[in-house]
Amino acid sequence: MVDDKQQSVNLNGLNRFWIVGAGRFGSLAVERIACGIPDASMTVLDSRRPAIDYIDEEKATLIREDGISWLVSRFRADAPVDMIVPAIPVHLVFEWLKAKLSDKFDFTPIQIPAGWLDSFPNPMPGNTGQVYVSHANFICPDNCPEPEAICTHTGKPRPMDLFRLLAGLDFDGLTPIVIRSHQLLPGVGGILPTELMNALVNALNWGRSSDHRILMIATACRCHGVVDFIRLENKDGDKV
């Protein structure tokens, strides 16, 4: 289950950005968006100081609050944002979905079976139920333009887009929800609000009606991704 069906999405005209995180990658996003999209309106979310204090307030509005908590309370279908740029060392989509659905479901991470891990390119396990995956076994340049056909680093043809590979996995008793990270500028990617909202609707509907037991929530670009495997349990005690 992946929202993006096309190889390319028209990102022209996007100029309202919420950047979640003010560290190295958040700062980089601010600078590159400011240079590449002169009329951009940026909001940077981070509760950490001094990190957010280093962001140029002439380039972005600074909100000194936890980014995910702020998204939980402020993001909605008609929110004034064209792209959400994750720049924190956690799986933003998963944490946001978990918080949004916490009144209806308990989320329990599961141990990932070894056979499932073998289906991922270069898997690197994280916390329980989480794995980082990548087509690259090298450090990519942070200004990679993510060309469609050829790898910037190797000059060789790219394998299947990772977000497509993840959406096509067929594990017994599992439903995938995959969000694509779209590249806005070299080294800067983000999530389209409609796709994030669709993920929420899909997770909610799945939790209410599916007899599957496990949900896989992933965010990925063409080359890199993070995946969480969880078991949902209704607050009334019925597992789904």
Protein backbone atom coordinates (compact mmCIF):
# COMPACT_ATOMS: atom_id res chain seq x y z
CA MET A 1 0.00 0.00 0.00
CA VAL A 2 1.85 3.07 -1.25
CA ASP A 3 0.31 6.37 -2.28
CA ASP A 4 2.69 7.33 -5.04
CA LYS A 5 2.02 5.40 -8.26
CA GLN A 6 4.22 7.38 -10.64
CA GLN A 7 7.96 7.48 -11.13
CA SER A 8 7.92 11.27 -10.85
CA VAL A 9 5.67 13.70 -9.02
CA ASN A 10 5.40 17.36 -9.94
CA LEU A 11 6.79 19.28 -7.00
CA ASN A 12 6.77 22.63 -8.78
CA GLY A 13 4.99 25.37 -6.90
CA LEU A 14 5.60 24.00 -3.42
CA ASN A 15 6.64 26.85 -1.15
CA ARG A 16 5.30 26.13 2.35
CA PHE A 17 7.50 23.83 4.38
CA TRP A 18 7.46 22.46 7.90
CA ILE A 19 10.93 21.26 8.87
CA VAL A 20 10.89 18.94 11.87
CA GLY A 21 14.29 19.22 13.54
CA ALA A 22 16.85 22.01 13.75
CA GLY A 23 20.04 19.96 13.85
CA ARG A 24 22.49 19.34 11.03
CA PHE A 25 19.93 18.13 8.49
CA GLY A 26 17.28 20.64 9.50
CA SER A 27 19.76 23.50 9.17
CA LEU A 28 20.88 22.12 5.81
CA ALA A 29 17.26 21.97 4.63
CA VAL A 30 16.69 25.61 5.62
CA GLU A 31 19.75 26.80 3.73
CA ARG A 32 19.08 24.78 0.59
CA ILE A 33 15.39 25.63 0.44
CA ALA A 34 16.17 29.32 0.99
CA CYS A 35 18.63 29.24 -1.93
CA GLY A 36 16.58 27.03 -4.23
CA ILE A 37 13.09 28.41 -3.56
CA PRO A 38 13.45 32.14 -2.82
CA ASP A 39 9.76 32.64 -2.00
CA ALA A 40 9.66 29.70 0.42
CA SER A 41 7.83 30.01 3.73
CA MET A 42 9.52 27.76 6.28
CA THR A 43 8.58 26.75 9.81
CA VAL A 44 11.20 24.91 11.87
CA LEU A 45 10.08 22.80 14.83
CA ASP A 46 12.46 21.76 17.61
CA SER A 47 12.36 21.93 21.40
CA ARG A 48 16.12 21.56 21.74
CA ARG A 49 18.35 24.45 22.55
CA PRO A 50 20.73 25.71 21.41
CA ALA A 51 20.09 23.86 18.12
CA ILE A 52 17.03 25.83 17.05
CA ASP A 53 18.58 29.11 18.18
CA TYR A 54 21.17 28.77 15.41
CA ILE A 55 18.50 28.86 12.68
CA ASP A 56 18.31 32.23 10.89
CA GLU A 57 14.97 33.75 11.89
CA GLU A 58 14.99 35.83 8.71
CA LYS A 59 14.69 32.59 6.74
CA ALA A 60 12.26 30.61 8.87
CA THR A 61 9.70 30.85 11.63
CA LEU A 62 11.02 29.05 14.71
CA ILE A 63 8.71 27.06 16.98
CA ARG A 64 10.46 25.82 20.10
CA GLU A 65 8.29 22.77 20.67
CA ASP A 66 8.62 19.04 20.13
CA GLY A 67 8.08 18.53 16.43
CA ILE A 68 6.00 15.35 16.54
CA SER A 69 3.77 16.63 19.35
CA TRP A 70 3.23 19.83 17.41
CA LEU A 71 2.31 17.86 14.27
CA VAL A 72 -0.13 15.73 16.24
CA SER A 73 -2.00 18.82 17.40
CA ARG A 74 -1.65 21.05 14.32
CA PHE A 75 -1.45 18.92 11.19
CA ARG A 76 -4.77 18.32 9.46
CA ALA A 77 -6.00 17.92 5.89
CA ASP A 78 -6.29 21.68 5.30
CA ALA A 79 -3.08 22.66 7.11
CA PRO A 80 -1.11 25.47 5.42
CA VAL A 81 1.83 23.29 4.37
CA ASP A 82 2.99 21.83 1.06
CA MET A 83 5.69 19.48 2.36
CA ILE A 84 6.84 18.16 5.72
CA VAL A 85 10.61 17.67 5.93
CA PRO A 86 11.68 15.13 8.60
CA ALA A 87 15.08 16.06 10.04
CA ILE A 88 15.13 14.15 13.34
CA PRO A 89 16.68 10.76 14.20
CA VAL A 90 13.33 9.00 14.68
CA HIS A 91 10.76 7.58 12.27
CA LEU A 92 8.47 10.60 12.07
CA VAL A 93 5.64 8.90 10.17
CA PHE A 94 5.50 5.98 12.59
CA GLU A 95 5.64 8.15 15.71
CA TRP A 96 2.98 10.50 14.35
CA LEU A 97 0.65 7.64 13.40
CA LYS A 98 1.17 6.01 16.78
CA ALA A 99 0.31 9.23 18.59
CA LYS A 100 -2.73 9.92 16.41
CA LEU A 101 -4.14 6.42 16.95
CA SER A 102 -3.14 5.99 20.59
CA ASP A 103 -6.69 6.53 21.83
CA LYS A 104 -7.92 3.60 19.73
CA PHE A 105 -5.04 1.11 19.59
CA ASP A 106 -2.03 -0.12 21.50
CA PHE A 107 1.08 -0.41 19.34
CA THR A 108 3.36 -3.33 20.21
CA PRO A 109 6.66 -3.65 18.29
CA ILE A 110 7.41 -7.20 17.18
CA GLN A 111 10.66 -9.05 16.73
CA ILE A 112 11.37 -9.10 12.99
CA PRO A 113 11.78 -12.68 11.71
CA ALA A 114 15.16 -13.39 10.14
CA GLY A 115 13.47 -14.45 6.93
CA TRP A 116 11.86 -11.05 6.62
CA LEU A 117 15.14 -9.24 7.24
CA ASP A 118 16.67 -11.22 4.39
CA SER A 119 14.19 -9.56 2.02
CA PHE A 120 15.62 -6.10 2.68
CA PRO A 121 18.70 -4.59 1.04
CA ASN A 122 21.50 -4.00 3.56
CA PRO A 123 19.24 -4.21 6.64
CA MET A 124 20.43 -2.60 9.86
CA PRO A 125 18.18 -3.38 12.85
CA GLY A 126 17.27 -0.50 15.13
CA ASN A 127 14.98 -0.68 18.13
CA THR A 128 12.68 -3.67 18.55
CA GLY A 129 10.53 -3.99 15.45
CA GLN A 130 12.54 -1.45 13.47
CA VAL A 131 15.01 -1.81 10.63
CA TYR A 132 16.89 0.68 8.49
CA VAL A 133 17.32 -0.36 4.87
CA SER A 134 19.34 0.95 1.95
CA HIS A 135 20.34 0.07 -1.56
CA ALA A 136 23.72 1.64 -0.75
CA ASN A 137 26.53 -0.05 1.16
CA PHE A 138 28.53 3.18 1.10
CA ILE A 139 28.04 6.73 2.38
CA CYS A 140 26.02 8.70 -0.16
CA PRO A 141 26.87 12.34 -0.94
CA ASP A 142 24.50 14.61 0.97
CA ASN A 143 23.77 16.57 -2.20
CA CYS A 144 22.71 13.61 -4.33
CA PRO A 145 20.05 14.71 -6.84
CA GLU A 146 18.49 11.21 -6.78
CA PRO A 147 18.48 10.63 -10.55
CA GLU A 148 15.86 8.15 -11.70
CA ALA A 149 18.02 5.69 -13.63
CA ILE A 150 21.69 5.94 -12.58
CA CYS A 151 23.28 6.01 -9.12
CA THR A 152 25.18 9.25 -8.54
CA HIS A 153 27.95 7.50 -6.61
CA THR A 154 28.54 4.33 -8.63
CA GLY A 155 27.41 5.42 -12.08
CA LYS A 156 25.53 2.12 -12.36
CA PRO A 157 21.82 1.53 -13.02
CA ARG A 158 19.64 1.87 -9.95
CA PRO A 159 17.78 -1.13 -8.53
CA MET A 160 14.03 -0.89 -8.02
CA ASP A 161 12.96 2.20 -6.12
CA LEU A 162 13.05 1.26 -2.46
CA PHE A 163 9.60 2.64 -1.71
CA ARG A 164 8.21 0.36 -4.44
CA LEU A 165 10.17 -2.64 -3.22
CA LEU A 166 8.82 -2.19 0.30
CA ALA A 167 5.24 -1.74 -0.87
CA GLY A 168 5.49 -4.97 -2.85
CA LEU A 169 6.66 -7.18 0.02
CA ASP A 170 4.38 -10.14 0.61
CA PHE A 171 4.84 -11.38 4.16
CA ASP A 172 2.19 -13.67 5.60
CA GLY A 173 -0.30 -11.85 7.82
CA LEU A 174 1.17 -8.40 7.17
CA THR A 175 -0.10 -5.23 5.54
CA PRO A 176 2.40 -2.57 4.39
CA ILE A 177 1.81 1.17 4.55
CA VAL A 178 4.63 2.90 2.71
CA ILE A 179 5.14 6.65 2.48
CA ARG A 180 7.46 7.99 -0.17
CA SER A 181 10.01 10.63 0.75
CA HIS A 182 10.03 12.91 -2.30
CA GLN A 183 13.21 14.74 -3.17
CA LEU A 184 12.65 18.47 -3.21
CA LEU A 185 16.26 19.55 -3.73
CA PRO A 186 19.60 17.70 -3.64
CA GLY A 187 19.89 16.36 -0.11
CA VAL A 188 16.44 17.58 0.93
CA GLY A 189 13.41 15.29 0.89
CA GLY A 190 10.00 15.42 2.40
CA ILE A 191 6.52 14.00 2.75
CA LEU A 192 3.47 15.29 0.93
CA PRO A 193 0.63 16.12 3.35
CA THR A 194 -2.00 14.24 1.34
CA GLU A 195 0.09 11.07 1.49
CA LEU A 196 0.61 11.37 5.24
CA MET A 197 -3.11 11.90 5.79
CA ASN A 198 -3.90 8.93 3.54
CA ALA A 199 -1.56 6.80 5.65
CA LEU A 200 -3.56 7.75 8.74
CA VAL A 201 -6.85 6.83 7.06
CA ASN A 202 -5.42 3.55 5.78
CA ALA A 203 -4.03 2.58 9.19
CA LEU A 204 -7.31 3.42 10.90
CA ASN A 205 -9.42 1.50 8.39
CA TRP A 206 -7.05 -1.46 8.50
CA GLY A 207 -7.14 -1.52 12.27
CA ARG A 208 -10.92 -1.52 12.30
CA SER A 209 -11.54 -4.15 9.66
CA SER A 210 -8.52 -6.31 8.86
CA ASP A 211 -7.96 -9.82 10.11
CA HIS A 212 -4.25 -9.42 9.45
CA ARG A 213 -2.16 -9.31 12.58
CA ILE A 214 0.82 -7.09 11.76
CA LEU A 215 1.23 -3.67 10.20
CA MET A 216 4.43 -2.54 8.48
CA ILE A 217 4.89 1.23 8.41
CA ALA A 218 7.72 2.50 6.22
CA THR A 219 9.11 5.75 4.89
CA ALA A 220 11.52 5.53 1.97
CA CYS A 221 12.98 7.39 -0.97
CA ARG A 222 14.51 5.65 -3.98
CA CYS A 223 17.50 4.37 -1.99
CA HIS A 224 17.01 4.55 1.78
CA GLY A 225 14.24 3.84 4.24
CA VAL A 226 13.14 3.06 7.77
CA VAL A 227 10.58 0.38 8.57
CA ASP A 228 8.60 -0.39 11.72
CA PHE A 229 6.69 -3.63 12.35
CA ILE A 230 3.94 -3.47 14.94
CA ARG A 231 1.00 -5.45 16.21
CA LEU A 232 -2.15 -3.46 16.82
CA GLU A 233 -4.50 -4.17 19.69
CA ASN A 234 -7.81 -2.41 20.15
CA LYS A 235 -8.19 -0.60 23.43
CA ASP A 236 -11.10 -2.93 24.18
CA GLY A 237 -8.70 -5.88 24.01
CA ASP A 238 -9.43 -7.26 20.54
CA LYS A 239 -6.29 -7.85 18.56
CA VAL A 240 -6.34 -6.98 14.88
